[in-house]
């Protein structure tokens, strides 16, 4: 599989940046899914001419920094019609936000295990103030796992076990993290990767108040091979 970073910030973008958004494609190129579609992601997706190639969108949760660009995407699809509505896998709550996605161009599905083209997608609940899922995609003999927004959770740790690439929510610094916080710290992402025996760790969901290099150094104390997601970067799984 091939992972392209379309956005790496949260809960708001830095100047010229974009919030959570990740394009995952099979080795053949015949299957493509977008995981999350936060502020600024649509512009980067259009820059790749990838909108028409999407087989589905998977939303880890319905906070705006993970789904807001699906609203103007409706207009893009109107000007670039698809043969069939675009499947969107999204949590059922918060209901007022999900209702914003009720549009003719989208085929809404709950976050339940599914096969999308060559990819098998699984979900497990994560710790966050709203209904949220970690996401696993298997394809081409490889496993990709995205924590979504979460904090320490044995269920999520088990879900990540042995992943070929773990994309992890490094939303907080070690100094700002608390047990009841809505995000992992970068250091805890490193510990998660180490404890779950993953092969690659990529940090994402950087709050613009932090220097990503500082967060990366925190994670590398636990997992020396950790890398930081950067918009436009491609990772092979």
Protein backbone atom coordinates (compact mmCIF):
# COMPACT_ATOMS: atom_id res chain seq x y z
CA UNK A 1 0.00 0.00 0.00
CA UNK A 2 0.94 3.64 -0.43
CA UNK A 3 0.04 6.31 2.15
CA UNK A 4 0.04 9.99 1.13
CA UNK A 5 -0.23 12.63 3.85
CA UNK A 6 -2.80 15.27 2.84
CA UNK A 7 -3.05 16.92 6.26
CA UNK A 8 -1.26 16.49 9.58
CA UNK A 9 -2.60 19.18 11.93
CA UNK A 10 -5.29 19.31 14.58
CA UNK A 11 -7.47 20.78 15.91
CA UNK A 12 -6.76 23.62 13.46
CA UNK A 13 -4.28 24.02 10.59
CA UNK A 14 -1.03 25.94 10.69
CA UNK A 15 -0.45 28.63 8.06
CA UNK A 16 -0.60 26.92 4.67
CA UNK A 17 -1.31 23.60 6.38
CA UNK A 18 -4.19 21.15 6.60
CA UNK A 19 -5.85 19.03 9.25
CA UNK A 20 -6.21 15.26 9.35
CA UNK A 21 -6.36 13.58 5.93
CA UNK A 22 -4.64 10.48 4.54
CA UNK A 23 -4.91 8.90 1.09
CA UNK A 24 -4.32 5.14 1.14
CA UNK A 25 -3.90 3.31 -2.17
CA UNK A 26 -3.33 -0.32 -3.06
CA UNK A 27 -0.15 -1.35 -4.85
CA UNK A 28 -2.13 -1.88 -8.07
CA UNK A 29 -3.67 1.59 -7.83
CA UNK A 30 -7.11 0.05 -8.32
CA UNK A 31 -8.35 0.90 -4.80
CA UNK A 32 -8.07 4.25 -3.05
CA UNK A 33 -9.64 5.38 0.20
CA UNK A 34 -9.44 8.71 2.01
CA UNK A 35 -9.14 8.44 5.78
CA UNK A 36 -10.40 11.66 7.37
CA UNK A 37 -11.04 14.87 5.48
CA UNK A 38 -10.28 17.84 7.70
CA UNK A 39 -9.74 21.50 6.90
CA UNK A 40 -7.48 21.97 3.86
CA UNK A 41 -7.49 18.33 2.75
CA UNK A 42 -9.74 18.81 -0.28
CA UNK A 43 -7.33 21.29 -1.90
CA UNK A 44 -4.47 18.80 -1.56
CA UNK A 45 -6.63 15.97 -2.86
CA UNK A 46 -7.65 18.03 -5.89
CA UNK A 47 -4.00 18.88 -6.50
CA UNK A 48 -3.38 15.16 -6.97
CA UNK A 49 -6.39 14.69 -9.29
CA UNK A 50 -7.42 11.96 -6.85
CA UNK A 51 -11.07 12.81 -6.20
CA UNK A 52 -12.35 10.71 -9.10
CA UNK A 53 -10.26 7.73 -7.98
CA UNK A 54 -11.72 7.49 -4.48
CA UNK A 55 -13.57 4.28 -3.70
CA UNK A 56 -14.62 5.47 -0.22
CA UNK A 57 -14.03 7.95 2.57
CA UNK A 58 -13.52 6.67 6.12
CA UNK A 59 -14.00 9.14 8.98
CA UNK A 60 -12.48 8.21 12.32
CA UNK A 61 -14.86 10.65 14.02
CA UNK A 62 -16.95 13.73 13.40
CA UNK A 63 -14.92 16.54 14.90
CA UNK A 64 -14.56 19.29 12.29
CA UNK A 65 -10.79 18.93 11.94
CA UNK A 66 -11.43 15.40 10.66
CA UNK A 67 -14.48 15.88 8.42
CA UNK A 68 -15.14 19.54 7.52
CA UNK A 69 -13.83 19.37 3.94
CA UNK A 70 -16.50 16.81 3.06
CA UNK A 71 -18.86 19.79 2.98
CA UNK A 72 -17.23 21.61 0.02
CA UNK A 73 -16.40 18.21 -1.49
CA UNK A 74 -20.11 17.96 -2.27
CA UNK A 75 -19.71 20.89 -4.65
CA UNK A 76 -16.62 19.38 -6.25
CA UNK A 77 -18.54 16.18 -6.96
CA UNK A 78 -21.40 18.18 -8.48
CA UNK A 79 -18.95 19.63 -11.01
CA UNK A 80 -17.20 16.26 -11.47
CA UNK A 81 -20.11 13.80 -11.35
CA UNK A 82 -19.49 10.20 -10.30
CA UNK A 83 -21.28 7.18 -11.71
CA UNK A 84 -22.34 6.21 -8.18
CA UNK A 85 -22.46 8.14 -4.88
CA UNK A 86 -19.22 8.11 -2.89
CA UNK A 87 -19.43 5.70 0.09
CA UNK A 88 -18.67 7.49 3.37
CA UNK A 89 -18.09 5.39 6.50
CA UNK A 90 -18.77 7.61 9.52
CA UNK A 91 -19.85 7.29 13.15
CA UNK A 92 -23.54 7.81 13.87
CA UNK A 93 -22.88 10.55 16.42
CA UNK A 94 -22.85 13.49 17.04
CA UNK A 95 -26.10 13.38 15.06
CA UNK A 96 -26.18 17.11 14.09
CA UNK A 97 -22.75 16.79 12.47
CA UNK A 98 -23.56 13.53 10.71
CA UNK A 99 -26.69 15.20 9.32
CA UNK A 100 -24.41 17.63 7.46
CA UNK A 101 -23.20 14.68 5.37
CA UNK A 102 -26.69 13.67 4.25
CA UNK A 103 -26.26 14.64 0.61
CA UNK A 104 -27.15 12.89 -2.68
CA UNK A 105 -23.48 12.58 -3.64
CA UNK A 106 -22.68 10.50 -0.53
CA UNK A 107 -23.70 6.96 0.38
CA UNK A 108 -23.51 6.97 4.19
CA UNK A 109 -22.46 3.83 6.04
CA UNK A 110 -21.81 3.14 9.74
CA UNK A 111 -18.27 2.34 10.90
CA UNK A 112 -18.54 -1.43 10.62
CA UNK A 113 -15.98 -3.84 9.18
CA UNK A 114 -16.10 -3.74 5.40
CA UNK A 115 -14.34 -4.74 2.20
CA UNK A 116 -13.61 -1.82 -0.13
CA UNK A 117 -12.13 -2.99 -3.41
CA UNK A 118 -8.85 -4.73 -2.55
CA UNK A 119 -8.87 -3.44 1.03
CA UNK A 120 -10.32 -4.92 4.21
CA UNK A 121 -11.23 -2.24 6.77
CA UNK A 122 -11.81 -2.85 10.48
CA UNK A 123 -12.73 -0.50 13.32
CA UNK A 124 -12.38 -0.49 17.08
CA UNK A 125 -13.58 2.19 19.55
CA UNK A 126 -11.01 4.71 20.79
CA UNK A 127 -10.98 7.05 23.80
CA UNK A 128 -12.19 10.53 22.80
CA UNK A 129 -14.98 12.93 23.82
CA UNK A 130 -17.14 11.85 20.85
CA UNK A 131 -17.71 8.48 19.16
CA UNK A 132 -14.33 7.67 17.62
CA UNK A 133 -12.65 4.67 16.02
CA UNK A 134 -9.18 3.46 15.38
CA UNK A 135 -8.97 2.15 11.80
CA UNK A 136 -7.14 -0.87 10.40
CA UNK A 137 -6.68 -1.50 6.67
CA UNK A 138 -5.21 -4.72 5.31
CA UNK A 139 -4.19 -5.05 1.67
CA UNK A 140 -1.30 -6.38 -0.38
CA UNK A 141 -0.20 -8.55 2.57
CA UNK A 142 0.31 -5.50 4.84
CA UNK A 143 -1.50 -3.94 7.83
CA UNK A 144 -1.98 -0.21 8.34
CA UNK A 145 -3.42 1.11 11.61
CA UNK A 146 -4.52 4.66 12.43
CA UNK A 147 -5.24 5.40 16.09
CA UNK A 148 -7.67 8.20 15.30
CA UNK A 149 -7.80 10.69 18.15
CA UNK A 150 -7.30 8.70 21.32
CA UNK A 151 -5.48 8.32 24.60
CA UNK A 152 -3.94 5.28 26.28
CA UNK A 153 -6.24 2.29 25.87
CA UNK A 154 -5.40 -1.45 26.09
CA UNK A 155 -7.98 -2.18 23.39
CA UNK A 156 -6.29 0.20 20.96
CA UNK A 157 -2.87 -1.19 21.91
CA UNK A 158 -4.04 -4.71 21.10
CA UNK A 159 -5.55 -3.43 17.83
CA UNK A 160 -2.16 -1.96 16.84
CA UNK A 161 -0.20 -5.14 17.60
CA UNK A 162 2.29 -5.97 14.85
CA UNK A 163 1.12 -3.27 12.41
CA UNK A 164 3.38 -2.69 9.41
CA UNK A 165 2.72 1.05 9.78
CA UNK A 166 1.09 2.81 12.73
CA UNK A 167 -0.17 6.36 12.15
CA UNK A 168 -0.57 7.80 15.64
CA UNK A 169 -2.21 10.82 17.23
CA UNK A 170 0.60 12.90 18.72
CA UNK A 171 -1.74 15.69 19.74
CA UNK A 172 0.05 16.66 22.95
CA UNK A 173 3.52 17.16 24.32
CA UNK A 174 4.64 15.05 27.25
CA UNK A 175 4.40 18.09 29.55
CA UNK A 176 0.79 18.85 28.54
CA UNK A 177 -0.54 15.27 28.62
CA UNK A 178 -2.93 14.11 31.36
CA UNK A 179 -4.59 10.72 31.92
CA UNK A 180 -8.00 12.17 31.01
CA UNK A 181 -6.73 14.10 27.96
CA UNK A 182 -8.36 13.53 24.54
CA UNK A 183 -5.03 12.71 22.85
CA UNK A 184 -1.85 10.70 23.21
CA UNK A 185 1.36 12.55 23.82
CA UNK A 186 4.14 12.03 21.29
CA UNK A 187 6.11 10.11 23.93
CA UNK A 188 3.15 7.78 24.50
CA UNK A 189 2.89 7.21 20.74
CA UNK A 190 6.47 5.99 20.87
CA UNK A 191 5.68 3.72 23.80
CA UNK A 192 2.58 2.38 22.02
CA UNK A 193 4.63 1.55 18.93
CA UNK A 194 7.28 -0.18 21.01
CA UNK A 195 4.84 -2.16 23.15
CA UNK A 196 2.74 -3.16 20.13
CA UNK A 197 5.81 -4.27 18.15
CA UNK A 198 4.95 -2.20 15.08
CA UNK A 199 7.37 -1.92 12.17
CA UNK A 200 6.92 1.77 11.31
CA UNK A 201 5.61 4.67 13.40
CA UNK A 202 4.43 7.92 11.83
CA UNK A 203 3.28 10.76 14.09
CA UNK A 204 0.45 13.05 13.03
CA UNK A 205 -2.26 15.44 14.31
CA UNK A 206 0.26 18.08 15.33
CA UNK A 207 -1.15 21.06 17.21
CA UNK A 208 0.42 24.17 15.60
CA UNK A 209 1.39 25.42 19.07
CA UNK A 210 4.18 22.81 19.07
CA UNK A 211 7.30 22.34 16.98
CA UNK A 212 6.83 18.92 15.31
CA UNK A 213 10.55 18.24 15.69
CA UNK A 214 10.21 18.53 19.48
CA UNK A 215 7.35 16.03 19.45
CA UNK A 216 9.31 13.71 17.19
CA UNK A 217 12.25 13.76 19.59
CA UNK A 218 9.93 12.84 22.46
CA UNK A 219 8.61 9.83 20.53
CA UNK A 220 12.10 8.74 19.50
CA UNK A 221 13.10 8.23 23.12
CA UNK A 222 10.76 5.23 23.07
CA UNK A 223 10.83 4.33 19.36
CA UNK A 224 14.00 5.62 17.67
CA UNK A 225 12.76 5.02 14.13
CA UNK A 226 9.67 7.24 14.55
CA UNK A 227 8.93 9.68 11.75
CA UNK A 228 6.74 12.79 11.49
CA UNK A 229 3.97 13.02 8.89
CA UNK A 230 4.54 15.93 6.52
CA UNK A 231 2.00 17.10 3.95
CA UNK A 232 2.74 15.58 0.56
CA UNK A 233 5.00 12.86 1.97
CA UNK A 234 4.47 9.28 0.80
CA UNK A 235 5.04 6.18 2.95
CA UNK A 236 5.14 2.65 1.57
CA UNK A 237 3.62 -0.14 3.65
